[in-house]
Amino acid sequence: MPAKAKPVQKRAAKKIQKRRRTVKELPTKLDYWAIAVKEIYETCRRNGMDESLALAFAMDRSSWPDWAIDPTDPIRKIGWEDGEEDV
């Protein structure tokens, strides 16, 4: 009686992980607005407001305090322009 042959197991191919490229972008006005809305909403909820009142307060920018987010351009330019260099 011949010996039974064992079934051949295939090796799983290794997946090659691709390097993740991260691009560092400056935050936009929309990013600042979204962060401020989220923080105000969470603060209102933490202090006892129901969901609808907290959402209404967060979405109405005129009801925010002045210090919550700067009403002017939140993205300030660096002190030097492209044409200027340190000598």
C-alpha atoms as a PDB file:
ATOM      1  CA  MET A   1       0.000   0.000   0.000  1.00  0.00           C
ATOM      2  CA  PRO A   2       1.520   3.283  -1.039  1.00  0.00           C
ATOM      3  CA  ALA A   3       1.692   6.111   1.529  1.00  0.00           C
ATOM      4  CA  LYS A   4      -0.827   8.889   1.090  1.00  0.00           C
ATOM      5  CA  ALA A   5       0.626  12.133  -0.197  1.00  0.00           C
ATOM      6  CA  LYS A   6       0.047  15.145   2.000  1.00  0.00           C
ATOM      7  CA  PRO A   7      -1.817  18.022   0.369  1.00  0.00           C
ATOM      8  CA  VAL A   8       0.486  20.862  -0.625  1.00  0.00           C
ATOM      9  CA  GLN A   9      -0.302  24.117   1.174  1.00  0.00           C
ATOM     10  CA  LYS A  10       0.193  27.331  -0.744  1.00  0.00           C
ATOM     11  CA  ARG A  11       1.957  30.152   0.992  1.00  0.00           C
ATOM     12  CA  ALA A  12       0.074  33.393   1.262  1.00  0.00           C
ATOM     13  CA  ALA A  13       1.693  36.156  -0.729  1.00  0.00           C
ATOM     14  CA  LYS A  14       3.068  38.937   1.423  1.00  0.00           C
ATOM     15  CA  LYS A  15       1.414  42.258   0.985  1.00  0.00           C
ATOM     16  CA  ILE A  16       3.816  45.082   0.360  1.00  0.00           C
ATOM     17  CA  GLN A  17       2.835  48.083   2.427  1.00  0.00           C
ATOM     18  CA  LYS A  18       2.954  51.318   0.566  1.00  0.00           C
ATOM     19  CA  ARG A  19       4.513  54.299   2.281  1.00  0.00           C
ATOM     20  CA  ARG A  20       1.957  56.811   3.303  1.00  0.00           C
ATOM     21  CA  ARG A  21       2.709  60.267   2.109  1.00  0.00           C
ATOM     22  CA  THR A  22       1.515  62.994   4.341  1.00  0.00           C
ATOM     23  CA  VAL A  23       1.123  66.479   3.046  1.00  0.00           C
ATOM     24  CA  LYS A  24       1.215  69.159   5.661  1.00  0.00           C
ATOM     25  CA  GLU A  25      -1.317  71.764   4.723  1.00  0.00           C
ATOM     26  CA  LEU A  26      -2.093  74.952   6.523  1.00  0.00           C
ATOM     27  CA  PRO A  27      -5.523  75.043   8.149  1.00  0.00           C
ATOM     28  CA  THR A  28      -8.142  76.857   6.107  1.00  0.00           C
ATOM     29  CA  LYS A  29     -10.913  79.151   7.261  1.00  0.00           C
ATOM     30  CA  LEU A  30     -13.283  76.201   7.014  1.00  0.00           C
ATOM     31  CA  ASP A  31     -11.051  74.195   9.362  1.00  0.00           C
ATOM     32  CA  TYR A  32     -11.083  77.004  11.930  1.00  0.00           C
ATOM     33  CA  TRP A  33     -14.865  77.316  11.651  1.00  0.00           C
ATOM     34  CA  ALA A  34     -15.436  73.566  12.012  1.00  0.00           C
ATOM     35  CA  ILE A  35     -13.176  73.343  15.067  1.00  0.00           C
ATOM     36  CA  ALA A  36     -14.909  76.305  16.706  1.00  0.00           C
ATOM     37  CA  VAL A  37     -18.392  74.881  16.032  1.00  0.00           C
ATOM     38  CA  LYS A  38     -17.405  71.505  17.449  1.00  0.00           C
ATOM     39  CA  GLU A  39     -15.879  73.011  20.573  1.00  0.00           C
ATOM     40  CA  ILE A  40     -18.858  75.294  21.215  1.00  0.00           C
ATOM     41  CA  TYR A  41     -21.341  72.451  20.664  1.00  0.00           C
ATOM     42  CA  GLU A  42     -19.472  70.111  23.017  1.00  0.00           C
ATOM     43  CA  THR A  43     -19.155  72.846  25.642  1.00  0.00           C
ATOM     44  CA  CYS A  44     -22.876  73.587  25.472  1.00  0.00           C
ATOM     45  CA  ARG A  45     -23.724  69.885  25.803  1.00  0.00           C
ATOM     46  CA  ARG A  46     -21.294  69.475  28.696  1.00  0.00           C
ATOM     47  CA  ASN A  47     -22.971  72.393  30.484  1.00  0.00           C
ATOM     48  CA  GLY A  48     -26.466  70.931  30.294  1.00  0.00           C
ATOM     49  CA  MET A  49     -28.018  72.181  27.052  1.00  0.00           C
ATOM     50  CA  ASP A  50     -30.084  69.693  25.059  1.00  0.00           C
ATOM     51  CA  GLU A  51     -28.939  68.707  21.571  1.00  0.00           C
ATOM     52  CA  SER A  52     -31.183  71.024  19.566  1.00  0.00           C
ATOM     53  CA  LEU A  53     -30.383  74.121  21.644  1.00  0.00           C
ATOM     54  CA  ALA A  54     -26.644  73.398  21.617  1.00  0.00           C
ATOM     55  CA  LEU A  55     -26.701  72.840  17.849  1.00  0.00           C
ATOM     56  CA  ALA A  56     -28.662  76.043  17.251  1.00  0.00           C
ATOM     57  CA  PHE A  57     -26.237  78.001  19.432  1.00  0.00           C
ATOM     58  CA  ALA A  58     -23.192  76.487  17.698  1.00  0.00           C
ATOM     59  CA  MET A  59     -24.490  77.165  14.181  1.00  0.00           C
ATOM     60  CA  ASP A  60     -25.483  80.797  14.860  1.00  0.00           C
ATOM     61  CA  ARG A  61     -22.155  82.584  14.743  1.00  0.00           C
ATOM     62  CA  SER A  62     -23.618  85.917  15.869  1.00  0.00           C
ATOM     63  CA  SER A  63     -24.374  84.380  19.271  1.00  0.00           C
ATOM     64  CA  TRP A  64     -20.767  83.374  19.901  1.00  0.00           C
ATOM     65  CA  PRO A  65     -18.638  85.444  22.266  1.00  0.00           C
ATOM     66  CA  ASP A  66     -16.000  87.649  20.638  1.00  0.00           C
ATOM     67  CA  TRP A  67     -13.116  85.605  21.978  1.00  0.00           C
ATOM     68  CA  ALA A  68     -14.401  82.260  20.627  1.00  0.00           C
ATOM     69  CA  ILE A  69     -13.033  82.808  17.140  1.00  0.00           C
ATOM     70  CA  ASP A  70     -11.515  85.895  15.609  1.00  0.00           C
ATOM     71  CA  PRO A  71     -14.084  87.488  13.256  1.00  0.00           C
ATOM     72  CA  THR A  72     -11.291  88.702  10.984  1.00  0.00           C
ATOM     73  CA  ASP A  73      -9.088  86.388   8.975  1.00  0.00           C
ATOM     74  CA  PRO A  74      -7.933  83.672  11.433  1.00  0.00           C
ATOM     75  CA  ILE A  75      -5.027  82.720   9.214  1.00  0.00           C
ATOM     76  CA  ARG A  76      -2.391  85.314   9.856  1.00  0.00           C
ATOM     77  CA  LYS A  77       0.462  85.771   7.437  1.00  0.00           C
ATOM     78  CA  ILE A  78       3.993  85.233   8.560  1.00  0.00           C
ATOM     79  CA  GLY A  79       5.919  88.441   9.171  1.00  0.00           C
ATOM     80  CA  TRP A  80       7.766  88.283   5.878  1.00  0.00           C
ATOM     81  CA  GLU A  81       6.665  88.052   2.268  1.00  0.00           C
ATOM     82  CA  ASP A  82       8.038  85.736  -0.424  1.00  0.00           C
ATOM     83  CA  GLY A  83      10.283  88.397  -1.962  1.00  0.00           C
ATOM     84  CA  GLU A  84      12.018  89.337   1.265  1.00  0.00           C
ATOM     85  CA  GLU A  85      14.966  87.343   2.532  1.00  0.00           C
ATOM     86  CA  ASP A  86      17.195  87.619   5.546  1.00  0.00           C
ATOM     87  CA  VAL A  87      20.522  89.139   4.579  1.00  0.00           C
END
